[in-house]
PDB file of all heavy atoms in Angstrom:
ATOM      1  N   LYS A   1       5.636 -10.182  13.046  1.00  0.00           N
ATOM      2  CA  LYS A   1       4.414  -9.455  12.721  1.00  0.00           C
ATOM      3  C   LYS A   1       3.742  -9.906  11.432  1.00  0.00           C
ATOM      4  O   LYS A   1       2.518  -9.830  11.301  1.00  0.00           O
ATOM      5  CB  LYS A   1       4.728  -7.956  12.618  1.00  0.00           C
ATOM      6  CG  LYS A   1       5.225  -7.332  13.911  1.00  0.00           C
ATOM      7  CD  LYS A   1       4.174  -7.394  15.015  1.00  0.00           C
ATOM      8  CE  LYS A   1       4.637  -6.673  16.275  1.00  0.00           C
ATOM      9  NZ  LYS A   1       3.613  -6.726  17.344  1.00  0.00           N
ATOM     10  N   CYS A   2       4.550 -10.363  10.473  1.00  0.00           N
ATOM     11  CA  CYS A   2       3.996 -10.703   9.158  1.00  0.00           C
ATOM     12  C   CYS A   2       3.962 -12.201   8.877  1.00  0.00           C
ATOM     13  O   CYS A   2       3.345 -12.640   7.906  1.00  0.00           O
ATOM     14  CB  CYS A   2       4.778  -9.992   8.053  1.00  0.00           C
ATOM     15  SG  CYS A   2       4.780  -8.203   8.195  1.00  0.00           S
ATOM     16  N   GLY A   3       4.683 -12.981   9.668  1.00  0.00           N
ATOM     17  CA  GLY A   3       4.621 -14.433   9.514  1.00  0.00           C
ATOM     18  C   GLY A   3       5.570 -15.009   8.494  1.00  0.00           C
ATOM     19  O   GLY A   3       5.431 -16.175   8.113  1.00  0.00           O
ATOM     20  N   PHE A   4       6.544 -14.228   8.012  1.00  0.00           N
ATOM     21  CA  PHE A   4       7.525 -14.774   7.092  1.00  0.00           C
ATOM     22  C   PHE A   4       8.880 -14.121   7.358  1.00  0.00           C
ATOM     23  O   PHE A   4       8.966 -13.021   7.894  1.00  0.00           O
ATOM     24  CB  PHE A   4       7.111 -14.554   5.631  1.00  0.00           C
ATOM     25  CG  PHE A   4       7.008 -13.112   5.227  1.00  0.00           C
ATOM     26  CD1 PHE A   4       8.120 -12.401   4.774  1.00  0.00           C
ATOM     27  CD2 PHE A   4       5.787 -12.442   5.288  1.00  0.00           C
ATOM     28  CE1 PHE A   4       8.024 -11.081   4.391  1.00  0.00           C
ATOM     29  CE2 PHE A   4       5.681 -11.119   4.913  1.00  0.00           C
ATOM     30  CZ  PHE A   4       6.798 -10.437   4.465  1.00  0.00           C
ATOM     31  N   THR A   5       9.946 -14.828   6.963  1.00  0.00           N
ATOM     32  CA  THR A   5      11.297 -14.294   7.110  1.00  0.00           C
ATOM     33  C   THR A   5      11.692 -13.586   5.831  1.00  0.00           C
ATOM     34  O   THR A   5      11.668 -14.192   4.752  1.00  0.00           O
ATOM     35  CB  THR A   5      12.302 -15.425   7.410  1.00  0.00           C
ATOM     36  OG1 THR A   5      11.923 -16.084   8.623  1.00  0.00           O
ATOM     37  CG2 THR A   5      13.710 -14.858   7.552  1.00  0.00           C
ATOM     38  N   PRO A   6      12.038 -12.290   5.905  1.00  0.00           N
ATOM     39  CA  PRO A   6      12.390 -11.556   4.686  1.00  0.00           C
ATOM     40  C   PRO A   6      13.677 -12.081   4.065  1.00  0.00           C
ATOM     41  O   PRO A   6      14.551 -12.604   4.764  1.00  0.00           O
ATOM     42  CB  PRO A   6      12.569 -10.121   5.189  1.00  0.00           C
ATOM     43  CG  PRO A   6      12.924 -10.266   6.627  1.00  0.00           C
ATOM     44  CD  PRO A   6      12.154 -11.462   7.116  1.00  0.00           C
ATOM     45  N   SER A   7      13.780 -11.965   2.764  1.00  0.00           N
ATOM     46  CA  SER A   7      14.978 -12.425   2.054  1.00  0.00           C
ATOM     47  C   SER A   7      15.299 -11.439   0.936  1.00  0.00           C
ATOM     48  O   SER A   7      14.528 -10.523   0.647  1.00  0.00           O
ATOM     49  CB  SER A   7      14.751 -13.829   1.474  1.00  0.00           C
ATOM     50  OG  SER A   7      13.649 -13.823   0.583  1.00  0.00           O
ATOM     51  N   GLY A   8      16.432 -11.626   0.311  1.00  0.00           N
ATOM     52  CA  GLY A   8      16.839 -10.753  -0.768  1.00  0.00           C
ATOM     53  C   GLY A   8      17.505  -9.493  -0.255  1.00  0.00           C
ATOM     54  O   GLY A   8      17.856  -9.384   0.928  1.00  0.00           O
ATOM     55  N   ASP A   9      17.674  -8.529  -1.116  1.00  0.00           N
ATOM     56  CA  ASP A   9      18.355  -7.275  -0.795  1.00  0.00           C
ATOM     57  C   ASP A   9      17.557  -6.507   0.261  1.00  0.00           C
ATOM     58  O   ASP A   9      16.417  -6.096   0.008  1.00  0.00           O
ATOM     59  CB  ASP A   9      18.482  -6.441  -2.070  1.00  0.00           C
ATOM     60  CG  ASP A   9      19.228  -5.129  -1.838  1.00  0.00           C
ATOM     61  OD1 ASP A   9      19.614  -4.847  -0.689  1.00  0.00           O
ATOM     62  OD2 ASP A   9      19.406  -4.395  -2.825  1.00  0.00           O
ATOM     63  N   PRO A  10      18.110  -6.290   1.461  1.00  0.00           N
ATOM     64  CA  PRO A  10      17.370  -5.586   2.521  1.00  0.00           C
ATOM     65  C   PRO A  10      16.921  -4.182   2.128  1.00  0.00           C
ATOM     66  O   PRO A  10      15.921  -3.687   2.662  1.00  0.00           O
ATOM     67  CB  PRO A  10      18.378  -5.541   3.679  1.00  0.00           C
ATOM     68  CG  PRO A  10      19.278  -6.706   3.436  1.00  0.00           C
ATOM     69  CD  PRO A  10      19.414  -6.776   1.952  1.00  0.00           C
ATOM     70  N   SER A  11      17.652  -3.553   1.202  1.00  0.00           N
ATOM     71  CA  SER A  11      17.272  -2.194   0.798  1.00  0.00           C
ATOM     72  C   SER A  11      15.942  -2.170   0.062  1.00  0.00           C
ATOM     73  O   SER A  11      15.363  -1.102  -0.153  1.00  0.00           O
ATOM     74  CB  SER A  11      18.360  -1.571  -0.079  1.00  0.00           C
ATOM     75  OG  SER A  11      18.474  -2.256  -1.314  1.00  0.00           O
ATOM     76  N   THR A  12      15.436  -3.363  -0.341  1.00  0.00           N
ATOM     77  CA  THR A  12      14.162  -3.432  -1.058  1.00  0.00           C
ATOM     78  C   THR A  12      13.030  -3.978  -0.183  1.00  0.00           C
ATOM     79  O   THR A  12      11.924  -4.194  -0.670  1.00  0.00           O
ATOM     80  CB  THR A  12      14.301  -4.329  -2.307  1.00  0.00           C
ATOM     81  OG1 THR A  12      14.566  -5.690  -1.895  1.00  0.00           O
ATOM     82  CG2 THR A  12      15.431  -3.849  -3.200  1.00  0.00           C
ATOM     83  N   TRP A  13      13.298  -4.211   1.102  1.00  0.00           N
ATOM     84  CA  TRP A  13      12.283  -4.813   1.972  1.00  0.00           C
ATOM     85  C   TRP A  13      11.062  -3.899   2.170  1.00  0.00           C
ATOM     86  O   TRP A  13       9.948  -4.373   2.286  1.00  0.00           O
ATOM     87  CB  TRP A  13      12.882  -5.153   3.332  1.00  0.00           C
ATOM     88  CG  TRP A  13      13.801  -6.339   3.314  1.00  0.00           C
ATOM     89  CD1 TRP A  13      14.147  -7.099   2.240  1.00  0.00           C
ATOM     90  CD2 TRP A  13      14.491  -6.897   4.439  1.00  0.00           C
ATOM     91  NE1 TRP A  13      15.013  -8.093   2.595  1.00  0.00           N
ATOM     92  CE2 TRP A  13      15.248  -7.997   3.950  1.00  0.00           C
ATOM     93  CE3 TRP A  13      14.568  -6.578   5.786  1.00  0.00           C
ATOM     94  CZ2 TRP A  13      16.047  -8.781   4.785  1.00  0.00           C
ATOM     95  CZ3 TRP A  13      15.364  -7.350   6.617  1.00  0.00           C
ATOM     96  CH2 TRP A  13      16.102  -8.440   6.125  1.00  0.00           C
ATOM     97  N   PHE A  14      11.303  -2.591   2.235  1.00  0.00           N
ATOM     98  CA  PHE A  14      10.212  -1.649   2.499  1.00  0.00           C
ATOM     99  C   PHE A  14       9.977  -0.744   1.295  1.00  0.00           C
ATOM    100  O   PHE A  14      10.920  -0.229   0.705  1.00  0.00           O
ATOM    101  CB  PHE A  14      10.538  -0.773   3.709  1.00  0.00           C
ATOM    102  CG  PHE A  14      10.685  -1.532   5.006  1.00  0.00           C
ATOM    103  CD1 PHE A  14      11.951  -1.849   5.488  1.00  0.00           C
ATOM    104  CD2 PHE A  14       9.573  -1.924   5.734  1.00  0.00           C
ATOM    105  CE1 PHE A  14      12.105  -2.540   6.683  1.00  0.00           C
ATOM    106  CE2 PHE A  14       9.714  -2.621   6.926  1.00  0.00           C
ATOM    107  CZ  PHE A  14      10.980  -2.931   7.405  1.00  0.00           C
ATOM    108  N   LYS A  15       8.718  -0.542   0.949  1.00  0.00           N
ATOM    109  CA  LYS A  15       8.359   0.375  -0.121  1.00  0.00           C
ATOM    110  C   LYS A  15       7.106   1.132   0.284  1.00  0.00           C
ATOM    111  O   LYS A  15       6.039   0.551   0.470  1.00  0.00           O
ATOM    112  CB  LYS A  15       8.108  -0.371  -1.434  1.00  0.00           C
ATOM    113  CG  LYS A  15       7.784   0.568  -2.606  1.00  0.00           C
ATOM    114  CD  LYS A  15       7.545  -0.206  -3.892  1.00  0.00           C
ATOM    115  CE  LYS A  15       7.237   0.732  -5.045  1.00  0.00           C
ATOM    116  NZ  LYS A  15       6.968  -0.021  -6.303  1.00  0.00           N
ATOM    117  N   GLU A  16       7.237   2.446   0.441  1.00  0.00           N
ATOM    118  CA  GLU A  16       6.096   3.281   0.812  1.00  0.00           C
ATOM    119  C   GLU A  16       5.150   3.391  -0.376  1.00  0.00           C
ATOM    120  O   GLU A  16       5.561   3.697  -1.491  1.00  0.00           O
ATOM    121  CB  GLU A  16       6.574   4.659   1.266  1.00  0.00           C
ATOM    122  CG  GLU A  16       7.444   4.589   2.527  1.00  0.00           C
ATOM    123  CD  GLU A  16       8.042   5.925   2.927  1.00  0.00           C
ATOM    124  OE1 GLU A  16       7.652   6.947   2.333  1.00  0.00           O
ATOM    125  OE2 GLU A  16       8.906   5.944   3.831  1.00  0.00           O
ATOM    126  N   LEU A  17       3.880   3.118  -0.129  1.00  0.00           N
ATOM    127  CA  LEU A  17       2.900   3.074  -1.211  1.00  0.00           C
ATOM    128  C   LEU A  17       2.017   4.311  -1.278  1.00  0.00           C
ATOM    129  O   LEU A  17       1.660   4.766  -2.366  1.00  0.00           O
ATOM    130  CB  LEU A  17       2.009   1.829  -1.060  1.00  0.00           C
ATOM    131  CG  LEU A  17       2.716   0.483  -1.084  1.00  0.00           C
ATOM    132  CD1 LEU A  17       1.707  -0.639  -0.838  1.00  0.00           C
ATOM    133  CD2 LEU A  17       3.442   0.271  -2.413  1.00  0.00           C
ATOM    134  N   SER A  18       1.609   4.827  -0.125  1.00  0.00           N
ATOM    135  CA  SER A  18       0.707   5.973  -0.114  1.00  0.00           C
ATOM    136  C   SER A  18       0.891   6.756   1.174  1.00  0.00           C
ATOM    137  O   SER A  18       1.504   6.270   2.136  1.00  0.00           O
ATOM    138  CB  SER A  18      -0.756   5.523  -0.263  1.00  0.00           C
ATOM    139  OG  SER A  18      -1.145   4.709   0.836  1.00  0.00           O
ATOM    140  N   TYR A  19       0.337   7.976   1.170  1.00  0.00           N
ATOM    141  CA  TYR A  19       0.545   8.890   2.291  1.00  0.00           C
ATOM    142  C   TYR A  19      -0.780   9.520   2.703  1.00  0.00           C
ATOM    143  O   TYR A  19      -1.712   9.624   1.912  1.00  0.00           O
ATOM    144  CB  TYR A  19       1.560   9.974   1.897  1.00  0.00           C
ATOM    145  CG  TYR A  19       2.870   9.387   1.455  1.00  0.00           C
ATOM    146  CD1 TYR A  19       3.069   9.039   0.116  1.00  0.00           C
ATOM    147  CD2 TYR A  19       3.880   9.114   2.355  1.00  0.00           C
ATOM    148  CE1 TYR A  19       4.246   8.449  -0.308  1.00  0.00           C
ATOM    149  CE2 TYR A  19       5.073   8.530   1.949  1.00  0.00           C
ATOM    150  CZ  TYR A  19       5.246   8.200   0.626  1.00  0.00           C
ATOM    151  OH  TYR A  19       6.418   7.602   0.222  1.00  0.00           O
ATOM    152  N   THR A  20      -0.847   9.963   3.932  1.00  0.00           N
ATOM    153  CA  THR A  20      -2.041  10.632   4.429  1.00  0.00           C
ATOM    154  C   THR A  20      -2.054  12.084   3.962  1.00  0.00           C
ATOM    155  O   THR A  20      -1.080  12.576   3.394  1.00  0.00           O
ATOM    156  CB  THR A  20      -2.090  10.607   5.971  1.00  0.00           C
ATOM    157  OG1 THR A  20      -1.070  11.486   6.487  1.00  0.00           O
ATOM    158  CG2 THR A  20      -1.867   9.207   6.507  1.00  0.00           C
ATOM    159  N   SER A  21      -3.147  12.762   4.263  1.00  0.00           N
ATOM    160  CA  SER A  21      -3.254  14.167   3.875  1.00  0.00           C
ATOM    161  C   SER A  21      -2.202  15.025   4.565  1.00  0.00           C
ATOM    162  O   SER A  21      -1.863  16.105   4.082  1.00  0.00           O
ATOM    163  CB  SER A  21      -4.648  14.691   4.228  1.00  0.00           C
ATOM    164  OG  SER A  21      -4.902  14.528   5.623  1.00  0.00           O
ATOM    165  N   GLY A  22      -1.658  14.546   5.682  1.00  0.00           N
ATOM    166  CA  GLY A  22      -0.625  15.276   6.392  1.00  0.00           C
ATOM    167  C   GLY A  22       0.784  14.901   5.977  1.00  0.00           C
ATOM    168  O   GLY A  22       1.754  15.432   6.525  1.00  0.00           O
ATOM    169  N   GLY A  23       0.934  13.955   5.041  1.00  0.00           N
ATOM    170  CA  GLY A  23       2.252  13.552   4.575  1.00  0.00           C
ATOM    171  C   GLY A  23       2.865  12.414   5.353  1.00  0.00           C
ATOM    172  O   GLY A  23       4.024  12.062   5.149  1.00  0.00           O
ATOM    173  N   TYR A  24       2.116  11.814   6.270  1.00  0.00           N
ATOM    174  CA  TYR A  24       2.593  10.649   7.010  1.00  0.00           C
ATOM    175  C   TYR A  24       2.400   9.394   6.160  1.00  0.00           C
ATOM    176  O   TYR A  24       1.529   9.355   5.281  1.00  0.00           O
ATOM    177  CB  TYR A  24       1.818  10.496   8.317  1.00  0.00           C
ATOM    178  CG  TYR A  24       2.015  11.625   9.308  1.00  0.00           C
ATOM    179  CD1 TYR A  24       1.391  12.856   9.127  1.00  0.00           C
ATOM    180  CD2 TYR A  24       2.822  11.458  10.426  1.00  0.00           C
ATOM    181  CE1 TYR A  24       1.562  13.902  10.035  1.00  0.00           C
ATOM    182  CE2 TYR A  24       3.001  12.491  11.346  1.00  0.00           C
ATOM    183  CZ  TYR A  24       2.367  13.709  11.133  1.00  0.00           C
ATOM    184  OH  TYR A  24       2.549  14.734  12.040  1.00  0.00           O
ATOM    185  N   VAL A  25       3.190   8.364   6.424  1.00  0.00           N
ATOM    186  CA  VAL A  25       3.074   7.126   5.653  1.00  0.00           C
ATOM    187  C   VAL A  25       1.731   6.481   5.946  1.00  0.00           C
ATOM    188  O   VAL A  25       1.372   6.255   7.109  1.00  0.00           O
ATOM    189  CB  VAL A  25       4.218   6.153   5.984  1.00  0.00           C
ATOM    190  CG1 VAL A  25       4.014   4.827   5.251  1.00  0.00           C
ATOM    191  CG2 VAL A  25       5.566   6.773   5.608  1.00  0.00           C
ATOM    192  N   ASN A  26       0.987   6.160   4.902  1.00  0.00           N
ATOM    193  CA  ASN A  26      -0.301   5.495   5.058  1.00  0.00           C
ATOM    194  C   ASN A  26      -0.129   3.993   4.878  1.00  0.00           C
ATOM    195  O   ASN A  26      -0.231   3.226   5.826  1.00  0.00           O
ATOM    196  CB  ASN A  26      -1.299   6.062   4.049  1.00  0.00           C
ATOM    197  CG  ASN A  26      -2.676   5.423   4.157  1.00  0.00           C
ATOM    198  OD1 ASN A  26      -3.033   4.864   5.175  1.00  0.00           O
ATOM    199  ND2 ASN A  26      -3.441   5.509   3.073  1.00  0.00           N
ATOM    200  N   GLN A  27       0.189   3.564   3.655  1.00  0.00           N
ATOM    201  CA  GLN A  27       0.388   2.145   3.364  1.00  0.00           C
ATOM    202  C   GLN A  27       1.847   1.906   2.970  1.00  0.00           C
ATOM    203  O   GLN A  27       2.452   2.707   2.262  1.00  0.00           O
ATOM    204  CB  GLN A  27      -0.537   1.696   2.227  1.00  0.00           C
ATOM    205  CG  GLN A  27      -2.020   1.805   2.547  1.00  0.00           C
ATOM    206  CD  GLN A  27      -2.454   0.780   3.578  1.00  0.00           C
ATOM    207  OE1 GLN A  27      -2.031  -0.376   3.541  1.00  0.00           O
ATOM    208  NE2 GLN A  27      -3.301   1.200   4.503  1.00  0.00           N
ATOM    209  N   ILE A  28       2.390   0.777   3.408  1.00  0.00           N
ATOM    210  CA  ILE A  28       3.771   0.428   3.088  1.00  0.00           C
ATOM    211  C   ILE A  28       3.846  -1.068   2.809  1.00  0.00           C
ATOM    212  O   ILE A  28       3.251  -1.885   3.521  1.00  0.00           O
ATOM    213  CB  ILE A  28       4.729   0.836   4.235  1.00  0.00           C
ATOM    214  CG1 ILE A  28       6.188   0.573   3.846  1.00  0.00           C
ATOM    215  CG2 ILE A  28       4.356   0.174   5.543  1.00  0.00           C
ATOM    216  CD1 ILE A  28       7.186   1.221   4.802  1.00  0.00           C
ATOM    217  N   SER A  29       4.573  -1.409   1.742  1.00  0.00           N
ATOM    218  CA  SER A  29       4.738  -2.809   1.359  1.00  0.00           C
ATOM    219  C   SER A  29       5.978  -3.386   2.042  1.00  0.00           C
ATOM    220  O   SER A  29       7.007  -2.714   2.159  1.00  0.00           O
ATOM    221  CB  SER A  29       4.890  -2.922  -0.158  1.00  0.00           C
ATOM    222  OG  SER A  29       5.263  -4.243  -0.539  1.00  0.00           O
ATOM    223  N   ILE A  30       5.881  -4.632   2.482  1.00  0.00           N
ATOM    224  CA  ILE A  30       7.006  -5.321   3.101  1.00  0.00           C
ATOM    225  C   ILE A  30       7.377  -6.525   2.243  1.00  0.00           C
ATOM    226  O   ILE A  30       6.619  -7.489   2.140  1.00  0.00           O
ATOM    227  CB  ILE A  30       6.669  -5.773   4.532  1.00  0.00           C
ATOM    228  CG1 ILE A  30       6.254  -4.567   5.377  1.00  0.00           C
ATOM    229  CG2 ILE A  30       7.851  -6.493   5.163  1.00  0.00           C
ATOM    230  CD1 ILE A  30       5.862  -4.911   6.788  1.00  0.00           C
ATOM    231  N   CYS A  31       8.507  -6.427   1.600  1.00  0.00           N
ATOM    232  CA  CYS A  31       9.046  -7.500   0.747  1.00  0.00           C
ATOM    233  C   CYS A  31       8.096  -7.892  -0.375  1.00  0.00           C
ATOM    234  O   CYS A  31       8.209  -8.990  -0.933  1.00  0.00           O
ATOM    235  CB  CYS A  31       9.380  -8.734   1.586  1.00  0.00           C
ATOM    236  SG  CYS A  31      10.593  -8.418   2.881  1.00  0.00           S
ATOM    237  N   GLY A  32       7.160  -7.036  -0.703  1.00  0.00           N
ATOM    238  CA  GLY A  32       6.202  -7.353  -1.749  1.00  0.00           C
ATOM    239  C   GLY A  32       5.239  -8.455  -1.378  1.00  0.00           C
ATOM    240  O   GLY A  32       4.433  -8.904  -2.211  1.00  0.00           O
ATOM    241  N   LYS A  33       5.278  -8.910  -0.130  1.00  0.00           N
ATOM    242  CA  LYS A  33       4.432 -10.018   0.313  1.00  0.00           C
ATOM    243  C   LYS A  33       3.320  -9.579   1.253  1.00  0.00           C
ATOM    244  O   LYS A  33       2.335 -10.288   1.426  1.00  0.00           O
ATOM    245  CB  LYS A  33       5.279 -11.076   1.015  1.00  0.00           C
ATOM    246  CG  LYS A  33       6.348 -11.723   0.150  1.00  0.00           C
ATOM    247  CD  LYS A  33       7.126 -12.765   0.939  1.00  0.00           C
ATOM    248  CE  LYS A  33       8.187 -13.441   0.097  1.00  0.00           C
ATOM    249  NZ  LYS A  33       8.938 -14.461   0.879  1.00  0.00           N
ATOM    250  N   SER A  34       3.489  -8.440   1.883  1.00  0.00           N
ATOM    251  CA  SER A  34       2.532  -7.981   2.876  1.00  0.00           C
ATOM    252  C   SER A  34       2.444  -6.470   2.844  1.00  0.00           C
ATOM    253  O   SER A  34       3.421  -5.796   2.497  1.00  0.00           O
ATOM    254  CB  SER A  34       2.948  -8.456   4.274  1.00  0.00           C
ATOM    255  OG  SER A  34       2.047  -8.008   5.271  1.00  0.00           O
ATOM    256  N   THR A  35       1.292  -5.947   3.169  1.00  0.00           N
ATOM    257  CA  THR A  35       1.099  -4.505   3.240  1.00  0.00           C
ATOM    258  C   THR A  35       0.591  -4.141   4.627  1.00  0.00           C
ATOM    259  O   THR A  35      -0.315  -4.797   5.153  1.00  0.00           O
ATOM    260  CB  THR A  35       0.089  -4.015   2.183  1.00  0.00           C
ATOM    261  OG1 THR A  35       0.579  -4.349   0.875  1.00  0.00           O
ATOM    262  CG2 THR A  35      -0.113  -2.509   2.275  1.00  0.00           C
ATOM    263  N   THR A  36       1.179  -3.117   5.201  1.00  0.00           N
ATOM    264  CA  THR A  36       0.733  -2.655   6.515  1.00  0.00           C
ATOM    265  C   THR A  36       0.687  -1.132   6.511  1.00  0.00           C
ATOM    266  O   THR A  36       0.870  -0.489   5.485  1.00  0.00           O
ATOM    267  CB  THR A  36       1.654  -3.192   7.631  1.00  0.00           C
ATOM    268  OG1 THR A  36       1.054  -2.919   8.907  1.00  0.00           O
ATOM    269  CG2 THR A  36       3.033  -2.563   7.563  1.00  0.00           C
ATOM    270  N   THR A  37       0.433  -0.546   7.663  1.00  0.00           N
ATOM    271  CA  THR A  37       0.303   0.903   7.764  1.00  0.00           C
ATOM    272  C   THR A  37       1.564   1.542   8.348  1.00  0.00           C
ATOM    273  O   THR A  37       2.340   0.892   9.050  1.00  0.00           O
ATOM    274  CB  THR A  37      -0.885   1.275   8.666  1.00  0.00           C
ATOM    275  OG1 THR A  37      -0.630   0.802  10.005  1.00  0.00           O
ATOM    276  CG2 THR A  37      -2.172   0.663   8.141  1.00  0.00           C
ATOM    277  N   GLY A  38       1.726   2.821   8.059  1.00  0.00           N
ATOM    278  CA  GLY A  38       2.820   3.553   8.675  1.00  0.00           C
ATOM    279  C   GLY A  38       2.675   3.587  10.182  1.00  0.00           C
ATOM    280  O   GLY A  38       3.666   3.557  10.921  1.00  0.00           O
ATOM    281  N   LYS A  39       1.443   3.630  10.656  1.00  0.00           N
ATOM    282  CA  LYS A  39       1.184   3.599  12.098  1.00  0.00           C
ATOM    283  C   LYS A  39       1.726   2.320  12.710  1.00  0.00           C
ATOM    284  O   LYS A  39       2.322   2.335  13.802  1.00  0.00           O
ATOM    285  CB  LYS A  39      -0.317   3.721  12.344  1.00  0.00           C
ATOM    286  CG  LYS A  39      -0.719   3.661  13.807  1.00  0.00           C
ATOM    287  CD  LYS A  39      -2.234   3.714  13.951  1.00  0.00           C
ATOM    288  CE  LYS A  39      -2.653   3.487  15.392  1.00  0.00           C
ATOM    289  NZ  LYS A  39      -4.119   3.479  15.548  1.00  0.00           N
ATOM    290  N   ASN A  40       1.559   1.193  12.026  1.00  0.00           N
ATOM    291  CA  ASN A  40       2.085  -0.071  12.541  1.00  0.00           C
ATOM    292  C   ASN A  40       3.606  -0.082  12.549  1.00  0.00           C
ATOM    293  O   ASN A  40       4.229  -0.561  13.505  1.00  0.00           O
ATOM    294  CB  ASN A  40       1.558  -1.238  11.714  1.00  0.00           C
ATOM    295  CG  ASN A  40       0.126  -1.595  12.060  1.00  0.00           C
ATOM    296  OD1 ASN A  40      -0.380  -1.232  13.119  1.00  0.00           O
ATOM    297  ND2 ASN A  40      -0.546  -2.296  11.156  1.00  0.00           N
ATOM    298  N   ILE A  41       4.219   0.421  11.474  1.00  0.00           N
ATOM    299  CA  ILE A  41       5.690   0.481  11.433  1.00  0.00           C
ATOM    300  C   ILE A  41       6.203   1.329  12.590  1.00  0.00           C
ATOM    301  O   ILE A  41       7.189   0.985  13.251  1.00  0.00           O
ATOM    302  CB  ILE A  41       6.181   1.045  10.086  1.00  0.00           C
ATOM    303  CG1 ILE A  41       5.814   0.082   8.943  1.00  0.00           C
ATOM    304  CG2 ILE A  41       7.686   1.285  10.114  1.00  0.00           C
ATOM    305  CD1 ILE A  41       6.510  -1.262   9.007  1.00  0.00           C
ATOM    306  N   ARG A  42       5.525   2.439  12.839  1.00  0.00           N
ATOM    307  CA  ARG A  42       5.905   3.287  13.969  1.00  0.00           C
ATOM    308  C   ARG A  42       5.858   2.498  15.272  1.00  0.00           C
ATOM    309  O   ARG A  42       6.759   2.578  16.105  1.00  0.00           O
ATOM    310  CB  ARG A  42       4.980   4.496  14.041  1.00  0.00           C
ATOM    311  CG  ARG A  42       5.376   5.436  15.174  1.00  0.00           C
ATOM    312  CD  ARG A  42       4.313   6.448  15.515  1.00  0.00           C
ATOM    313  NE  ARG A  42       4.767   7.212  16.680  1.00  0.00           N
ATOM    314  CZ  ARG A  42       3.982   7.881  17.488  1.00  0.00           C
ATOM    315  NH1 ARG A  42       2.690   7.901  17.286  1.00  0.00           N
ATOM    316  NH2 ARG A  42       4.477   8.541  18.512  1.00  0.00           N
ATOM    317  N   SER A  43       4.798   1.734  15.443  1.00  0.00           N
ATOM    318  CA  SER A  43       4.632   0.935  16.658  1.00  0.00           C
ATOM    319  C   SER A  43       5.683  -0.162  16.763  1.00  0.00           C
ATOM    320  O   SER A  43       6.324  -0.327  17.796  1.00  0.00           O
ATOM    321  CB  SER A  43       3.226   0.321  16.674  1.00  0.00           C
ATOM    322  OG  SER A  43       3.082  -0.609  17.711  1.00  0.00           O
ATOM    323  N   TRP A  44       5.891  -0.906  15.686  1.00  0.00           N
ATOM    324  CA  TRP A  44       6.818  -2.034  15.716  1.00  0.00           C
ATOM    325  C   TRP A  44       8.232  -1.610  16.074  1.00  0.00           C
ATOM    326  O   TRP A  44       8.928  -2.308  16.812  1.00  0.00           O
ATOM    327  CB  TRP A  44       6.853  -2.727  14.354  1.00  0.00           C
ATOM    328  CG  TRP A  44       5.559  -3.325  13.910  1.00  0.00           C
ATOM    329  CD1 TRP A  44       4.388  -3.427  14.617  1.00  0.00           C
ATOM    330  CD2 TRP A  44       5.290  -3.895  12.622  1.00  0.00           C
ATOM    331  NE1 TRP A  44       3.407  -4.011  13.866  1.00  0.00           N
ATOM    332  CE2 TRP A  44       3.938  -4.321  12.630  1.00  0.00           C
ATOM    333  CE3 TRP A  44       6.045  -4.079  11.465  1.00  0.00           C
ATOM    334  CZ2 TRP A  44       3.341  -4.927  11.528  1.00  0.00           C
ATOM    335  CZ3 TRP A  44       5.450  -4.683  10.370  1.00  0.00           C
ATOM    336  CH2 TRP A  44       4.108  -5.106  10.404  1.00  0.00           C
TER     337      TRP A  44
END
């Protein structure tokens, strides 16, 4: 989905950045290299 192979400590691969008004994940960082939506993570 992101075009790169993650590396380093897996516990740091995902970082939630922001949330919707309902408390759902809005933006999430992947390995500090890419940002996607909580909706996409749900789908993937």
